Amino acid sequence: MFVNDCLNINSSGHLTIGGCDTVELAKKYGTPLYVLDENVIRENCRSYVRSFKKFYNGNGMPLYASKALSCKELCRIVNEEHMGLDVVSGGEIYTAVQAGFPMEKVHFHGNNKTADEIRFALESNVGKFVVDNLYELELLNKIADEMGKTANISFRIKPGVDAHTHNFIRTGQIDSKFGFALETGEAYDAVKKAVTYDNVCLKELHCHIGSQIFDIEPFVTAAKIMVEFMGKIYKELGVVISELNLGGGFGIMYTKNDEPVPYEDYMEKVSAAVKDVSAEQGIPVPYIFIEPGRSVVGEAGITLYTVGGKKKIPGIRTYVSVDGGMTDNIRYALYQSEYTVVNASHADKESAEEITVAGKCCESGDLIQEHTKVAPVEAGDILAVLSTGAYNYSMASNYNRIPRPAIVMVNNGESRIIVRRESYEDIVKNDL
């Protein structure tokens, strides 16, 4: 019935997640409220770890892409589930450090790392820098020299693969702000330069072709291109690059129209391609990394809102206003992202009323979903927006000086706060 098995309906007709009544969660913790199911997150992590054992003989490691949702509790869970971490900022590094995450299992991404971030990453003993451009390569080598360190690096490569996804989230094609292009020879020239530097050690190549992808073939094509490039480097430069990071981008179910590919199907086909092309190129099969983020936490999360005003415009639409909006879910305003909306207070009733869910911000574009059907709704009902575990809290803002919501973790009928709700005092704490 729902996009995730952790959701159900109890005898009161209320939506439940992880055995917890969402209406009761709203009463206890207030709304807006992010809710995550711990069991779903852990099982998603385990599915990736199992697939590495099955198809790569354990010769690799999944890295959780923490930009999807970064907080100390997620870092702790990911570590307990034997995954590494992909970070993209000094703040995400700091979160990992504070959570006690083993920093040798951290990869540091970003297309414009600052000198301060690079120093902090080196001080924190980050395992690998995913270098995006020549300026960064030279800056990293210089700072590492000053600090008496050698940085293990990866190069982010644009393999030129069209992932058939939204223009804003396609990152593998040549016209992208990320990485070195293969077509122009830029990537090859960067490799030649890197191997001459004293304070960086080129260990890995990396690519990421986009996000929310449902087709396996772009991943297979990208893997082949990357291994062929590794072969070229070995044959022409005599340099063996022993690690390959194939990025993330695995699609999840936001609505019943989405058809995600089972993780094992992806791993099986891509692993076969990596092994075959490695043999053709005469190079060892590389140690493999991937970077699932959305597919770890996306479907594990929902957002709860309390309904306020309801405004019917005859012949046009019915606006239902909630106590959150673009401050806690900007994705509809950015991408017109589709979501499933449920009247959590009457989840046992037929979805017979078409509504537009409007946020409370002073902004016409502050909508969460348009022309979506839910059980008839009235003021005081709790609305649930499903599959909001990824890129909702992490993209949240204080627009209109609205505090960010809390995050609650549920597990077999129990709940706990993992991120506190912001207060008005938090809003002004940096004001002078």
Protein backbone atom coordinates (compact mmCIF):
# COMPACT_ATOMS: atom_id res chain seq x y z
CA MET A 1 0.00 0.00 0.00
CA PHE A 2 2.82 2.39 0.91
CA VAL A 3 6.21 3.10 -0.63
CA ASN A 4 7.97 1.44 2.29
CA ASP A 5 7.27 -1.65 4.37
CA CYS A 6 7.94 0.22 7.62
CA LEU A 7 4.63 2.09 7.15
CA ASN A 8 1.31 0.67 8.24
CA ILE A 9 -2.14 1.58 9.56
CA ASN A 10 -3.20 0.82 13.13
CA SER A 11 -6.62 0.11 14.65
CA SER A 12 -7.22 3.85 15.11
CA GLY A 13 -6.84 4.39 11.37
CA HIS A 14 -3.59 6.28 11.94
CA LEU A 15 -0.45 5.92 9.88
CA THR A 16 2.37 4.17 11.71
CA ILE A 17 6.11 4.06 11.06
CA GLY A 18 8.37 1.52 12.72
CA GLY A 19 5.47 0.51 14.95
CA CYS A 20 4.90 4.07 16.20
CA ASP A 21 1.62 5.95 15.73
CA THR A 22 2.47 9.08 13.72
CA VAL A 23 -0.37 11.09 15.28
CA GLU A 24 1.00 10.30 18.72
CA LEU A 25 4.53 11.18 17.57
CA ALA A 26 3.21 14.55 16.42
CA LYS A 27 1.60 15.13 19.82
CA LYS A 28 4.72 14.10 21.72
CA TYR A 29 7.39 15.90 19.71
CA GLY A 30 5.46 18.61 17.83
CA THR A 31 5.41 19.35 14.13
CA PRO A 32 6.93 19.74 11.63
CA LEU A 33 8.79 16.57 12.51
CA TYR A 34 11.20 14.36 10.61
CA VAL A 35 10.87 10.68 11.51
CA LEU A 36 13.34 7.94 10.54
CA ASP A 37 12.99 4.17 10.88
CA GLU A 38 16.27 2.78 12.22
CA ASN A 39 15.62 -0.78 11.06
CA VAL A 40 15.14 0.34 7.45
CA ILE A 41 18.37 2.35 7.52
CA ARG A 42 20.33 -0.54 8.98
CA GLU A 43 18.89 -3.06 6.53
CA ASN A 44 19.72 -0.77 3.60
CA CYS A 45 23.31 -0.53 4.84
CA ARG A 46 23.50 -4.29 5.26
CA SER A 47 22.16 -4.93 1.76
CA TYR A 48 25.07 -2.97 0.28
CA VAL A 49 27.63 -4.69 2.52
CA ARG A 50 26.19 -8.11 1.61
CA SER A 51 26.28 -7.30 -2.10
CA PHE A 52 30.00 -6.47 -1.86
CA LYS A 53 30.66 -9.83 -0.24
CA LYS A 54 28.59 -11.64 -2.85
CA PHE A 55 29.79 -9.96 -6.05
CA TYR A 56 33.21 -8.49 -5.17
CA ASN A 57 34.43 -11.15 -2.72
CA GLY A 58 34.47 -8.39 -0.12
CA ASN A 59 36.99 -6.44 -2.22
CA GLY A 60 35.38 -3.07 -1.59
CA MET A 61 33.35 -0.89 0.73
CA PRO A 62 30.15 1.14 0.43
CA LEU A 63 30.46 4.71 1.67
CA TYR A 64 27.40 6.49 3.04
CA ALA A 65 27.00 9.81 1.20
CA SER A 66 26.34 11.94 4.25
CA LYS A 67 25.17 14.97 2.26
CA ALA A 68 21.84 13.10 2.07
CA LEU A 69 21.50 13.46 5.85
CA SER A 70 24.39 14.25 8.15
CA CYS A 71 24.11 13.98 11.91
CA LYS A 72 26.08 12.24 14.63
CA GLU A 73 23.62 9.38 15.07
CA LEU A 74 23.70 8.53 11.35
CA CYS A 75 27.51 8.48 11.49
CA ARG A 76 27.38 6.08 14.42
CA ILE A 77 24.89 3.76 12.72
CA VAL A 78 26.83 3.70 9.44
CA ASN A 79 30.02 2.83 11.29
CA GLU A 80 28.29 0.04 13.19
CA GLU A 81 27.09 -1.34 9.85
CA HIS A 82 30.66 -1.50 8.48
CA MET A 83 30.40 1.28 5.92
CA GLY A 84 32.66 4.22 5.21
CA LEU A 85 31.63 7.85 4.88
CA ASP A 86 31.54 10.32 2.00
CA VAL A 87 31.70 13.96 3.16
CA VAL A 88 31.57 17.21 1.19
CA SER A 89 32.41 19.98 3.67
CA GLY A 90 34.27 20.90 6.80
CA GLY A 91 30.98 20.72 8.68
CA GLU A 92 30.39 17.12 7.63
CA ILE A 93 33.98 16.26 8.61
CA TYR A 94 33.44 17.89 12.01
CA THR A 95 30.22 15.91 12.48
CA ALA A 96 32.06 12.66 11.75
CA VAL A 97 34.87 13.57 14.15
CA GLN A 98 32.40 14.43 16.91
CA ALA A 99 30.60 11.12 16.34
CA GLY A 100 33.88 9.21 16.74
CA PHE A 101 33.81 7.94 13.16
CA PRO A 102 37.08 6.27 12.03
CA MET A 103 38.48 8.97 9.77
CA GLU A 104 40.55 6.60 7.65
CA LYS A 105 37.21 5.43 6.22
CA VAL A 106 36.22 8.96 5.13
CA HIS A 107 36.42 10.34 1.57
CA PHE A 108 36.34 14.13 1.24
CA HIS A 109 34.55 15.45 -1.87
CA GLY A 110 33.80 18.96 -3.12
CA ASN A 111 34.52 21.12 -6.15
CA ASN A 112 35.89 24.09 -4.17
CA LYS A 113 37.45 22.92 -0.92
CA THR A 114 38.82 25.88 0.99
CA ALA A 115 42.34 25.99 2.41
CA ASP A 116 40.87 25.87 5.93
CA GLU A 117 38.82 22.79 5.06
CA ILE A 118 41.86 21.08 3.57
CA ARG A 119 43.93 21.80 6.68
CA PHE A 120 41.14 20.57 8.95
CA ALA A 121 40.78 17.39 6.87
CA LEU A 122 44.52 16.74 7.05
CA GLU A 123 44.55 17.39 10.81
CA SER A 124 41.60 14.99 11.15
CA ASN A 125 43.44 12.31 9.14
CA VAL A 126 40.73 12.00 6.49
CA GLY A 127 41.37 8.84 4.48
CA LYS A 128 41.12 10.26 0.97
CA PHE A 129 40.67 13.56 -0.83
CA VAL A 130 38.57 13.34 -3.98
CA VAL A 131 40.33 16.04 -6.01
CA ASP A 132 38.13 17.99 -8.39
CA ASN A 133 40.49 20.30 -10.31
CA LEU A 134 44.13 21.31 -10.80
CA TYR A 135 43.88 24.30 -8.48
CA GLU A 136 42.82 21.98 -5.66
CA LEU A 137 45.55 19.47 -6.51
CA GLU A 138 48.23 22.14 -6.23
CA LEU A 139 46.71 23.66 -3.09
CA LEU A 140 46.44 20.28 -1.39
CA ASN A 141 50.03 19.37 -2.28
CA LYS A 142 51.25 22.73 -0.93
CA ILE A 143 49.32 22.54 2.36
CA ALA A 144 50.25 18.87 2.91
CA ASP A 145 53.91 19.82 2.39
CA GLU A 146 53.61 22.63 4.94
CA MET A 147 52.06 20.21 7.45
CA GLY A 148 54.56 17.42 6.76
CA LYS A 149 51.87 15.07 5.49
CA THR A 150 51.11 13.02 2.39
CA ALA A 151 47.49 13.06 1.25
CA ASN A 152 45.94 10.02 -0.41
CA ILE A 153 43.89 11.28 -3.34
CA SER A 154 41.32 10.29 -5.90
CA PHE A 155 40.48 12.17 -9.10
CA ARG A 156 36.86 12.88 -9.88
CA ILE A 157 36.37 12.04 -13.55
CA LYS A 158 33.54 13.03 -15.88
CA PRO A 159 33.00 9.86 -17.94
CA GLY A 160 30.63 11.57 -20.36
CA VAL A 161 27.66 9.35 -19.48
CA ASP A 162 24.09 10.68 -19.72
CA ALA A 163 22.20 9.39 -16.71
CA HIS A 164 18.74 10.40 -18.04
CA THR A 165 17.83 12.33 -14.93
CA HIS A 166 16.96 15.93 -14.01
CA ASN A 167 19.37 18.49 -15.47
CA PHE A 168 20.22 19.80 -12.00
CA ILE A 169 21.32 16.39 -10.76
CA ARG A 170 23.26 15.11 -13.78
CA THR A 171 26.95 15.24 -12.98
CA GLY A 172 28.70 12.79 -15.31
CA GLN A 173 28.46 14.71 -18.60
CA ILE A 174 31.16 17.07 -19.86
CA ASP A 175 29.17 20.24 -19.04
CA SER A 176 29.32 19.89 -15.27
CA LYS A 177 30.97 21.91 -12.52
CA PHE A 178 32.40 18.67 -11.12
CA GLY A 179 35.57 16.87 -12.06
CA PHE A 180 38.06 16.34 -14.89
CA ALA A 181 36.81 15.60 -18.42
CA LEU A 182 38.01 12.50 -20.25
CA GLU A 183 37.14 13.73 -23.75
CA THR A 184 39.45 16.74 -23.66
CA GLY A 185 42.47 14.92 -22.21
CA GLU A 186 42.14 17.01 -19.03
CA ALA A 187 41.89 13.93 -16.80
CA TYR A 188 44.95 12.26 -18.32
CA ASP A 189 47.02 15.42 -17.97
CA ALA A 190 45.97 15.68 -14.32
CA VAL A 191 47.14 12.13 -13.65
CA LYS A 192 50.52 12.85 -15.26
CA LYS A 193 50.93 15.90 -13.06
CA ALA A 194 49.79 14.22 -9.83
CA VAL A 195 52.34 11.41 -10.02
CA THR A 196 55.15 13.99 -10.00
CA TYR A 197 54.05 15.62 -6.74
CA ASP A 198 55.69 14.68 -3.45
CA ASN A 199 52.84 15.24 -1.00
CA VAL A 200 49.92 13.54 -2.72
CA CYS A 201 49.54 9.87 -3.58
CA LEU A 202 47.09 8.97 -6.35
CA LYS A 203 45.22 5.88 -5.16
CA GLU A 204 41.83 6.05 -6.85
CA LEU A 205 39.68 7.27 -9.70
CA HIS A 206 36.13 8.41 -9.03
CA CYS A 207 33.01 9.11 -11.06
CA HIS A 208 29.42 10.00 -10.29
CA ILE A 209 26.94 10.17 -13.15
CA GLY A 210 23.90 11.65 -11.40
CA SER A 211 21.14 11.00 -8.90
CA GLN A 212 17.78 9.24 -8.69
CA ILE A 213 18.69 6.85 -11.55
CA PHE A 214 16.55 3.79 -12.32
CA ASP A 215 18.50 2.37 -15.27
CA ILE A 216 21.48 0.05 -14.65
CA GLU A 217 23.09 0.53 -18.06
CA PRO A 218 24.52 4.04 -17.43
CA PHE A 219 26.30 2.67 -14.36
CA VAL A 220 27.69 -0.28 -16.36
CA THR A 221 28.86 2.02 -19.15
CA ALA A 222 30.54 4.40 -16.70
CA ALA A 223 32.31 1.49 -14.97
CA LYS A 224 33.69 0.22 -18.28
CA ILE A 225 34.93 3.67 -19.28
CA MET A 226 36.64 4.16 -15.93
CA VAL A 227 38.43 0.79 -15.98
CA GLU A 228 39.53 1.41 -19.57
CA PHE A 229 41.02 4.72 -18.42
CA MET A 230 42.84 2.91 -15.61
CA GLY A 231 44.23 0.56 -18.26
CA LYS A 232 45.43 3.49 -20.37
CA ILE A 233 47.19 4.99 -17.35
CA TYR A 234 48.93 1.70 -16.66
CA LYS A 235 50.00 1.07 -20.27
CA GLU A 236 51.21 4.60 -20.99
CA LEU A 237 52.48 5.79 -17.62
CA GLY A 238 53.24 2.53 -15.82
CA VAL A 239 51.03 3.66 -12.92
CA VAL A 240 48.69 1.14 -11.28
CA ILE A 241 45.66 2.77 -9.70
CA SER A 242 44.31 0.20 -7.29
CA GLU A 243 40.96 1.70 -6.30
CA LEU A 244 37.83 2.75 -8.18
CA ASN A 245 34.93 4.73 -6.76
CA LEU A 246 31.78 4.43 -8.88
CA GLY A 247 29.73 7.00 -6.97
CA GLY A 248 26.06 6.72 -6.11
CA GLY A 249 22.79 7.93 -7.56
CA PHE A 250 20.60 4.86 -7.05
CA GLY A 251 16.93 5.77 -7.36
CA ILE A 252 14.32 5.28 -4.64
CA MET A 253 10.53 5.18 -4.57
CA TYR A 254 8.92 8.55 -3.96
CA THR A 255 5.61 7.56 -5.58
CA LYS A 256 4.12 4.34 -6.94
CA ASN A 257 5.28 5.39 -10.41
CA ASP A 258 8.93 4.92 -9.40
CA GLU A 259 10.54 1.53 -10.01
CA PRO A 260 13.90 1.32 -8.21
CA VAL A 261 16.41 -1.29 -9.34
CA PRO A 262 17.23 -3.84 -6.61
CA TYR A 263 20.69 -3.04 -5.25
CA GLU A 264 21.92 -6.57 -5.94
CA ASP A 265 21.01 -6.29 -9.64
CA TYR A 266 23.15 -3.17 -9.92
CA MET A 267 26.07 -4.73 -8.05
CA GLU A 268 25.94 -7.95 -10.08
CA LYS A 269 26.06 -6.26 -13.48
CA VAL A 270 28.59 -3.60 -12.57
CA SER A 271 30.91 -6.08 -10.86
CA ALA A 272 30.86 -8.27 -13.96
CA ALA A 273 31.78 -5.28 -16.13
CA VAL A 274 34.63 -4.23 -13.80
CA LYS A 275 36.10 -7.75 -13.76
CA ASP A 276 35.79 -8.26 -17.52
CA VAL A 277 37.34 -4.94 -18.51
CA SER A 278 40.12 -5.31 -15.90
CA ALA A 279 41.06 -8.62 -17.52
CA GLU A 280 40.96 -7.06 -21.00
CA GLN A 281 43.22 -4.21 -19.84
CA GLY A 282 45.65 -6.50 -18.04
CA ILE A 283 45.27 -4.75 -14.70
CA PRO A 284 44.28 -6.08 -11.26
CA VAL A 285 40.59 -5.86 -10.38
CA PRO A 286 40.41 -2.65 -8.36
CA TYR A 287 39.12 -2.27 -4.83
CA ILE A 288 35.64 -0.80 -5.31
CA PHE A 289 33.80 1.97 -3.50
CA ILE A 290 30.25 3.17 -4.09
CA GLU A 291 28.43 6.07 -2.42
CA PRO A 292 24.77 5.37 -1.61
CA GLY A 293 23.08 8.20 0.28
CA ARG A 294 19.48 8.72 -0.77
CA SER A 295 18.99 4.94 -1.08
CA VAL A 296 20.14 4.44 2.53
CA VAL A 297 17.93 7.01 4.26
CA GLY A 298 15.38 8.31 1.73
CA GLU A 299 12.56 5.80 2.07
CA ALA A 300 13.34 5.36 5.77
CA GLY A 301 12.07 8.87 6.52
CA ILE A 302 8.80 10.78 6.57
CA THR A 303 7.85 14.33 7.57
CA LEU A 304 4.81 15.07 9.71
CA TYR A 305 2.87 18.35 9.56
CA THR A 306 -0.20 19.74 11.30
CA VAL A 307 -2.89 21.10 8.98
CA GLY A 308 -4.00 24.70 9.50
CA GLY A 309 -6.01 26.76 7.03
CA LYS A 310 -7.85 25.28 4.06
CA LYS A 311 -8.67 27.48 1.08
CA LYS A 312 -10.86 26.25 -1.77
CA ILE A 313 -10.70 28.18 -5.05
CA PRO A 314 -13.67 26.87 -7.08
CA GLY A 315 -12.69 25.27 -10.35
CA ILE A 316 -8.95 25.74 -9.67
CA ARG A 317 -7.61 24.01 -6.56
CA THR A 318 -7.87 23.51 -2.80
CA TYR A 319 -4.93 24.79 -0.77
CA VAL A 320 -4.23 22.98 2.49
CA SER A 321 -1.70 24.88 4.58
CA VAL A 322 0.69 23.12 6.93
CA ASP A 323 3.06 24.33 9.64
CA GLY A 324 6.19 23.64 7.58
CA GLY A 325 7.10 24.08 3.94
CA MET A 326 10.10 25.01 1.85
CA THR A 327 12.18 25.56 5.00
CA ASP A 328 12.08 21.82 5.71
CA ASN A 329 11.54 20.52 2.14
CA ILE A 330 12.89 22.72 -0.64
CA ARG A 331 12.93 19.95 -3.26
CA TYR A 332 9.52 20.65 -4.79
CA ALA A 333 10.42 24.30 -5.29
CA LEU A 334 13.77 23.31 -6.81
CA TYR A 335 12.94 20.25 -8.88
CA GLN A 336 9.14 19.84 -8.75
CA SER A 337 9.95 16.57 -6.99
CA GLU A 338 7.02 14.21 -6.64
CA TYR A 339 6.09 12.86 -3.22
CA THR A 340 3.39 10.66 -1.76
CA VAL A 341 1.22 12.51 0.78
CA VAL A 342 -0.95 10.71 3.33
CA ASN A 343 -3.52 12.03 5.78
CA ALA A 344 -1.94 10.28 8.74
CA SER A 345 -4.96 10.96 10.95
CA HIS A 346 -7.25 9.06 8.58
CA ALA A 347 -4.89 6.72 6.74
CA ASP A 348 -7.59 4.04 6.56
CA LYS A 349 -9.85 6.27 4.47
CA GLU A 350 -9.87 6.49 0.68
CA SER A 351 -7.68 9.17 -0.89
CA ALA A 352 -10.61 11.03 -2.41
CA GLU A 353 -9.75 14.71 -1.99
CA GLU A 354 -7.37 16.51 -4.36
CA ILE A 355 -5.31 19.15 -2.60
CA THR A 356 -2.25 21.35 -2.99
CA VAL A 357 -0.08 21.25 0.12
CA ALA A 358 1.07 24.79 0.88
CA GLY A 359 3.78 25.81 3.31
CA LYS A 360 3.66 28.69 5.78
CA CYS A 361 6.44 30.81 4.25
CA CYS A 362 5.75 34.23 2.79
CA GLU A 363 6.55 32.92 -0.69
CA SER A 364 4.15 31.96 -3.50
CA GLY A 365 6.39 29.07 -4.52
CA ASP A 366 6.28 27.55 -1.04
CA LEU A 367 4.48 24.35 -2.01
CA ILE A 368 5.22 20.77 -1.03
CA GLN A 369 2.98 19.02 -3.56
CA GLU A 370 0.29 20.06 -6.03
CA HIS A 371 -2.90 18.26 -7.07
CA THR A 372 -2.27 15.24 -4.88
CA LYS A 373 -5.00 13.03 -3.48
CA VAL A 374 -5.45 12.31 0.23
CA ALA A 375 -8.22 11.23 2.56
CA PRO A 376 -10.50 14.23 3.24
CA VAL A 377 -8.54 16.63 5.41
CA GLU A 378 -9.45 19.27 7.96
CA ALA A 379 -7.65 21.59 10.36
CA GLY A 380 -5.76 19.72 13.06
CA ASP A 381 -5.15 16.60 10.96
CA ILE A 382 -1.61 15.30 10.61
CA LEU A 383 -0.25 15.07 7.08
CA ALA A 384 2.68 12.77 6.32
CA VAL A 385 4.95 13.27 3.33
CA LEU A 386 6.75 10.02 2.55
CA SER A 387 10.34 9.29 1.50
CA THR A 388 11.78 12.47 2.97
CA GLY A 389 14.76 10.93 4.75
CA ALA A 390 17.23 12.30 2.19
CA TYR A 391 17.89 15.91 1.19
CA ASN A 392 15.18 17.37 3.40
CA TYR A 393 16.79 18.10 6.76
CA SER A 394 20.16 18.51 5.04
CA MET A 395 18.74 21.23 2.75
CA ALA A 396 16.57 22.86 5.43
CA SER A 397 16.88 26.59 6.09
CA ASN A 398 15.78 29.33 8.46
CA TYR A 399 13.98 31.34 5.78
CA ASN A 400 11.46 33.67 7.46
CA ARG A 401 13.42 32.86 10.63
CA ILE A 402 11.60 29.57 11.03
CA PRO A 403 13.42 27.07 13.29
CA ARG A 404 14.45 23.73 11.78
CA PRO A 405 12.40 20.70 12.94
CA ALA A 406 13.58 17.90 15.18
CA ILE A 407 14.52 14.46 13.91
CA VAL A 408 13.10 11.45 15.73
CA MET A 409 14.37 7.90 15.27
CA VAL A 410 11.89 5.04 15.68
CA ASN A 411 12.67 1.40 16.28
CA ASN A 412 10.11 -1.34 16.92
CA GLY A 413 7.57 0.93 18.59
CA GLU A 414 10.08 3.06 20.51
CA SER A 415 11.13 6.60 19.63
CA ARG A 416 13.98 8.93 20.54
CA ILE A 417 15.18 12.37 19.46
CA ILE A 418 18.47 12.34 17.51
CA VAL A 419 18.44 16.02 16.49
CA ARG A 420 16.74 18.61 18.71
CA ARG A 421 14.23 21.11 17.35
CA GLU A 422 15.73 24.57 16.96
CA SER A 423 14.45 27.31 19.26
CA TYR A 424 13.99 31.02 18.62
CA GLU A 425 17.11 31.51 20.72
CA ASP A 426 19.01 29.31 18.24
CA ILE A 427 17.81 31.62 15.47
CA VAL A 428 19.39 34.72 17.04
CA LYS A 429 22.43 33.17 18.73
CA ASN A 430 24.87 34.55 16.15
CA ASP A 431 23.30 38.02 15.97
CA LEU A 432 25.29 40.87 17.51
